Amino acid sequence: MSNAITTQSGAQVGTWDGVDVKDLQKELNRIRQLLKDEGGVDKINAADMPHRDQLPEDLQSFTAYPIWGFDSQQNCLCGARANRIVSVEDVRQYSMVEHH
């Protein structure tokens, strides 16, 4: 899988290796500022982030809020602005769906 972070128009604007969502959060903040400086026309989308396949199967269709990434420490980068890091178990609890 590619590490490329691309915009809705297909431009590569960054990368993430899938290891730590804190790194993804920093990169998304940088990218948002870059896109804002360029006029704010192009956007990034949580569903298009690299390593989306790492997200557990039971959360692939989770829609209560965006999940930008999932890392090897079982943490998710969540929220419309990718501003919350929460454990996968917290996301599952919030989903109010039985996962046993």
N, C-alpha and C. Protein backbone atom coordinates (compact mmCIF):
# COMPACT_ATOMS: atom_id res chain seq x y z
N MET A 1 0.85 -1.19 0.00
CA MET A 1 0.00 0.00 0.00
C MET A 1 0.88 1.24 0.00
N SER A 2 0.43 2.24 -0.66
CA SER A 2 1.14 3.51 -0.75
C SER A 2 1.01 4.30 0.55
N ASN A 3 2.01 5.10 0.84
CA ASN A 3 1.98 6.00 1.99
C ASN A 3 1.44 7.38 1.62
N ALA A 4 1.07 7.55 0.36
CA ALA A 4 0.69 8.87 -0.15
C ALA A 4 -0.64 9.37 0.41
N ILE A 5 -0.63 10.63 0.80
CA ILE A 5 -1.87 11.33 1.16
C ILE A 5 -2.19 12.22 -0.02
N THR A 6 -3.37 12.01 -0.60
CA THR A 6 -3.76 12.78 -1.78
C THR A 6 -5.03 13.58 -1.52
N THR A 7 -5.17 14.64 -2.28
CA THR A 7 -6.36 15.47 -2.18
C THR A 7 -7.48 14.87 -3.03
N GLN A 8 -8.64 15.47 -2.94
CA GLN A 8 -9.78 15.01 -3.74
C GLN A 8 -9.49 15.13 -5.24
N SER A 9 -8.62 16.06 -5.61
CA SER A 9 -8.28 16.22 -7.03
C SER A 9 -7.17 15.28 -7.46
N GLY A 10 -6.58 14.53 -6.51
CA GLY A 10 -5.55 13.56 -6.83
C GLY A 10 -4.12 14.03 -6.62
N ALA A 11 -3.92 15.24 -6.14
CA ALA A 11 -2.57 15.75 -5.90
C ALA A 11 -1.99 15.12 -4.63
N GLN A 12 -0.75 14.63 -4.71
CA GLN A 12 -0.09 14.10 -3.52
C GLN A 12 0.45 15.27 -2.71
N VAL A 13 0.01 15.36 -1.45
CA VAL A 13 0.38 16.49 -0.60
C VAL A 13 1.12 16.07 0.66
N GLY A 14 1.28 14.77 0.89
CA GLY A 14 1.97 14.30 2.07
C GLY A 14 2.05 12.80 2.11
N THR A 15 2.60 12.30 3.21
CA THR A 15 2.73 10.85 3.39
C THR A 15 2.48 10.48 4.85
N TRP A 16 2.12 9.22 5.05
CA TRP A 16 2.02 8.63 6.39
C TRP A 16 2.34 7.15 6.26
N ASP A 17 3.19 6.66 7.16
CA ASP A 17 3.65 5.27 7.08
C ASP A 17 2.76 4.27 7.80
N GLY A 18 1.70 4.74 8.46
CA GLY A 18 0.76 3.84 9.12
C GLY A 18 1.18 3.39 10.50
N VAL A 19 2.27 3.93 11.04
CA VAL A 19 2.80 3.45 12.31
C VAL A 19 2.19 4.15 13.53
N ASP A 20 2.09 5.48 13.50
CA ASP A 20 1.66 6.24 14.68
C ASP A 20 0.70 7.35 14.24
N VAL A 21 -0.51 7.35 14.80
CA VAL A 21 -1.49 8.36 14.39
C VAL A 21 -1.08 9.77 14.82
N LYS A 22 -0.18 9.90 15.79
CA LYS A 22 0.31 11.24 16.15
C LYS A 22 1.06 11.86 14.97
N ASP A 23 1.81 11.03 14.24
CA ASP A 23 2.50 11.52 13.05
C ASP A 23 1.50 11.92 11.97
N LEU A 24 0.44 11.14 11.82
CA LEU A 24 -0.60 11.48 10.85
C LEU A 24 -1.27 12.79 11.22
N GLN A 25 -1.54 12.98 12.49
CA GLN A 25 -2.18 14.22 12.95
C GLN A 25 -1.32 15.44 12.60
N LYS A 26 -0.03 15.35 12.84
CA LYS A 26 0.89 16.45 12.51
C LYS A 26 0.90 16.70 10.99
N GLU A 27 0.94 15.62 10.23
CA GLU A 27 0.98 15.76 8.78
C GLU A 27 -0.31 16.37 8.25
N LEU A 28 -1.45 15.97 8.79
CA LEU A 28 -2.72 16.54 8.34
C LEU A 28 -2.83 18.02 8.69
N ASN A 29 -2.31 18.42 9.84
CA ASN A 29 -2.29 19.84 10.19
C ASN A 29 -1.45 20.63 9.19
N ARG A 30 -0.29 20.08 8.83
CA ARG A 30 0.58 20.73 7.84
C ARG A 30 -0.13 20.82 6.49
N ILE A 31 -0.77 19.75 6.09
CA ILE A 31 -1.46 19.71 4.79
C ILE A 31 -2.62 20.70 4.76
N ARG A 32 -3.38 20.75 5.82
CA ARG A 32 -4.51 21.71 5.86
C ARG A 32 -4.02 23.14 5.72
N GLN A 33 -2.91 23.47 6.37
CA GLN A 33 -2.36 24.82 6.25
C GLN A 33 -1.89 25.07 4.82
N LEU A 34 -1.24 24.08 4.23
CA LEU A 34 -0.80 24.19 2.84
C LEU A 34 -1.98 24.44 1.91
N LEU A 35 -3.04 23.66 2.06
CA LEU A 35 -4.22 23.81 1.20
C LEU A 35 -4.90 25.16 1.43
N LYS A 36 -4.93 25.60 2.66
CA LYS A 36 -5.49 26.92 2.97
C LYS A 36 -4.68 28.01 2.30
N ASP A 37 -3.36 27.91 2.38
CA ASP A 37 -2.47 28.90 1.76
C ASP A 37 -2.62 28.92 0.24
N GLU A 38 -3.03 27.79 -0.33
CA GLU A 38 -3.22 27.69 -1.78
C GLU A 38 -4.63 28.09 -2.21
N GLY A 39 -5.42 28.61 -1.31
CA GLY A 39 -6.74 29.09 -1.66
C GLY A 39 -7.89 28.27 -1.12
N GLY A 40 -7.61 27.14 -0.51
CA GLY A 40 -8.64 26.36 0.15
C GLY A 40 -9.63 25.67 -0.75
N VAL A 41 -9.29 25.46 -2.02
CA VAL A 41 -10.22 24.82 -2.96
C VAL A 41 -10.17 23.30 -2.82
N ASP A 42 -8.96 22.74 -2.80
CA ASP A 42 -8.79 21.30 -2.73
C ASP A 42 -8.93 20.83 -1.28
N LYS A 43 -9.38 19.60 -1.08
CA LYS A 43 -9.65 19.05 0.26
C LYS A 43 -9.03 17.66 0.39
N ILE A 44 -8.93 17.21 1.64
CA ILE A 44 -8.55 15.83 1.92
C ILE A 44 -9.73 15.15 2.61
N ASN A 45 -9.78 13.84 2.48
CA ASN A 45 -10.91 13.08 2.96
C ASN A 45 -10.42 11.91 3.82
N ALA A 46 -11.03 11.70 4.98
CA ALA A 46 -10.62 10.63 5.89
C ALA A 46 -10.65 9.26 5.22
N ALA A 47 -11.64 9.01 4.41
CA ALA A 47 -11.78 7.70 3.77
C ALA A 47 -10.69 7.42 2.74
N ASP A 48 -9.94 8.45 2.36
CA ASP A 48 -8.89 8.30 1.35
C ASP A 48 -7.48 8.26 1.93
N MET A 49 -7.36 8.16 3.25
CA MET A 49 -6.04 8.14 3.88
C MET A 49 -5.32 6.82 3.60
N PRO A 50 -3.97 6.88 3.54
CA PRO A 50 -3.23 5.63 3.35
C PRO A 50 -3.40 4.70 4.55
N HIS A 51 -3.23 3.42 4.31
CA HIS A 51 -3.30 2.38 5.34
C HIS A 51 -4.69 2.25 5.94
N ARG A 52 -5.69 2.61 5.20
CA ARG A 52 -7.08 2.46 5.64
C ARG A 52 -7.40 0.99 5.92
N ASP A 53 -6.69 0.10 5.26
CA ASP A 53 -6.90 -1.33 5.45
C ASP A 53 -6.52 -1.80 6.85
N GLN A 54 -5.76 -1.00 7.61
CA GLN A 54 -5.39 -1.36 8.98
C GLN A 54 -6.57 -1.24 9.95
N LEU A 55 -7.56 -0.45 9.58
CA LEU A 55 -8.73 -0.26 10.43
C LEU A 55 -9.45 -1.60 10.58
N PRO A 56 -9.76 -2.00 11.82
CA PRO A 56 -10.44 -3.29 12.02
C PRO A 56 -11.72 -3.40 11.18
N GLU A 57 -11.98 -4.59 10.74
CA GLU A 57 -13.13 -4.88 9.87
C GLU A 57 -14.44 -4.32 10.44
N ASP A 58 -14.63 -4.48 11.75
CA ASP A 58 -15.89 -4.05 12.35
C ASP A 58 -16.05 -2.54 12.38
N LEU A 59 -14.99 -1.79 12.10
CA LEU A 59 -15.10 -0.32 12.07
C LEU A 59 -14.99 0.26 10.65
N GLN A 60 -14.88 -0.60 9.66
CA GLN A 60 -14.76 -0.12 8.28
C GLN A 60 -15.96 0.73 7.85
N SER A 61 -17.13 0.42 8.36
CA SER A 61 -18.33 1.16 7.97
C SER A 61 -18.81 2.11 9.07
N PHE A 62 -17.97 2.38 10.06
CA PHE A 62 -18.30 3.30 11.15
C PHE A 62 -18.51 4.70 10.59
N THR A 63 -19.64 5.33 10.94
CA THR A 63 -19.96 6.64 10.36
C THR A 63 -20.30 7.72 11.37
N ALA A 64 -20.20 7.43 12.66
CA ALA A 64 -20.57 8.43 13.67
C ALA A 64 -19.67 9.67 13.59
N TYR A 65 -18.41 9.46 13.27
CA TYR A 65 -17.46 10.55 13.04
C TYR A 65 -16.32 9.99 12.20
N PRO A 66 -15.56 10.86 11.53
CA PRO A 66 -14.47 10.37 10.68
C PRO A 66 -13.35 9.70 11.48
N ILE A 67 -12.85 8.61 10.95
CA ILE A 67 -11.65 7.98 11.48
C ILE A 67 -10.58 8.16 10.40
N TRP A 68 -9.57 8.96 10.70
CA TRP A 68 -8.52 9.30 9.74
C TRP A 68 -7.43 8.24 9.65
N GLY A 69 -7.19 7.54 10.75
CA GLY A 69 -6.15 6.53 10.74
C GLY A 69 -6.22 5.64 11.96
N PHE A 70 -5.59 4.47 11.84
CA PHE A 70 -5.51 3.48 12.90
C PHE A 70 -4.08 2.98 12.92
N ASP A 71 -3.47 2.92 14.12
CA ASP A 71 -2.05 2.57 14.17
C ASP A 71 -1.78 1.28 14.93
N SER A 72 -0.50 0.94 15.02
CA SER A 72 -0.09 -0.31 15.64
C SER A 72 -0.29 -0.33 17.16
N GLN A 73 -0.51 0.83 17.77
CA GLN A 73 -0.79 0.90 19.20
C GLN A 73 -2.30 0.81 19.48
N GLN A 74 -3.09 0.50 18.45
CA GLN A 74 -4.54 0.35 18.57
C GLN A 74 -5.24 1.68 18.85
N ASN A 75 -4.66 2.77 18.34
CA ASN A 75 -5.26 4.10 18.48
C ASN A 75 -5.82 4.57 17.15
N CYS A 76 -6.87 5.37 17.24
CA CYS A 76 -7.51 5.95 16.06
C CYS A 76 -7.38 7.47 16.12
N LEU A 77 -7.12 8.07 14.98
CA LEU A 77 -7.18 9.52 14.86
C LEU A 77 -8.57 9.84 14.34
N CYS A 78 -9.34 10.58 15.13
CA CYS A 78 -10.77 10.78 14.85
C CYS A 78 -11.15 12.25 14.84
N GLY A 79 -12.36 12.48 14.37
CA GLY A 79 -12.97 13.81 14.41
C GLY A 79 -12.90 14.51 13.07
N ALA A 80 -13.81 15.42 12.87
CA ALA A 80 -13.89 16.15 11.61
C ALA A 80 -12.58 16.87 11.28
N ARG A 81 -11.88 17.35 12.31
CA ARG A 81 -10.62 18.05 12.11
C ARG A 81 -9.41 17.18 12.45
N ALA A 82 -9.62 15.87 12.62
CA ALA A 82 -8.55 14.94 12.98
C ALA A 82 -7.83 15.44 14.23
N ASN A 83 -8.61 15.79 15.24
CA ASN A 83 -8.04 16.41 16.43
C ASN A 83 -8.16 15.56 17.70
N ARG A 84 -8.62 14.32 17.57
CA ARG A 84 -8.75 13.45 18.74
C ARG A 84 -8.08 12.11 18.49
N ILE A 85 -7.27 11.69 19.43
CA ILE A 85 -6.67 10.37 19.38
C ILE A 85 -7.32 9.55 20.48
N VAL A 86 -7.98 8.46 20.09
CA VAL A 86 -8.69 7.61 21.04
C VAL A 86 -8.38 6.15 20.75
N SER A 87 -8.52 5.32 21.77
CA SER A 87 -8.28 3.89 21.57
C SER A 87 -9.39 3.29 20.71
N VAL A 88 -9.04 2.21 20.05
CA VAL A 88 -10.03 1.53 19.22
C VAL A 88 -11.19 1.04 20.08
N GLU A 89 -10.92 0.67 21.33
CA GLU A 89 -11.99 0.21 22.22
C GLU A 89 -12.97 1.35 22.53
N ASP A 90 -12.46 2.57 22.69
CA ASP A 90 -13.35 3.70 22.92
C ASP A 90 -14.24 3.96 21.70
N VAL A 91 -13.68 3.79 20.51
CA VAL A 91 -14.48 3.96 19.29
C VAL A 91 -15.56 2.90 19.25
N ARG A 92 -15.20 1.69 19.58
CA ARG A 92 -16.19 0.60 19.58
C ARG A 92 -17.29 0.85 20.60
N GLN A 93 -16.93 1.33 21.77
CA GLN A 93 -17.95 1.64 22.79
C GLN A 93 -18.89 2.72 22.27
N TYR A 94 -18.34 3.74 21.62
CA TYR A 94 -19.15 4.82 21.12
C TYR A 94 -20.11 4.33 20.03
N SER A 95 -19.67 3.36 19.26
CA SER A 95 -20.50 2.89 18.16
C SER A 95 -21.78 2.22 18.65
N MET A 96 -21.80 1.82 19.93
CA MET A 96 -22.96 1.17 20.54
C MET A 96 -23.41 -0.05 19.76
N VAL A 97 -22.44 -0.73 19.17
CA VAL A 97 -22.71 -1.95 18.43
C VAL A 97 -21.99 -3.08 19.16
N GLU A 98 -22.62 -4.21 19.28
CA GLU A 98 -22.01 -5.35 19.94
C GLU A 98 -20.86 -5.88 19.08
N HIS A 99 -19.67 -6.01 19.66
CA HIS A 99 -18.49 -6.47 18.91
C HIS A 99 -17.85 -7.69 19.56
N HIS A 100 -18.64 -8.61 20.02
CA HIS A 100 -18.09 -9.80 20.68
C HIS A 100 -18.18 -11.00 19.78
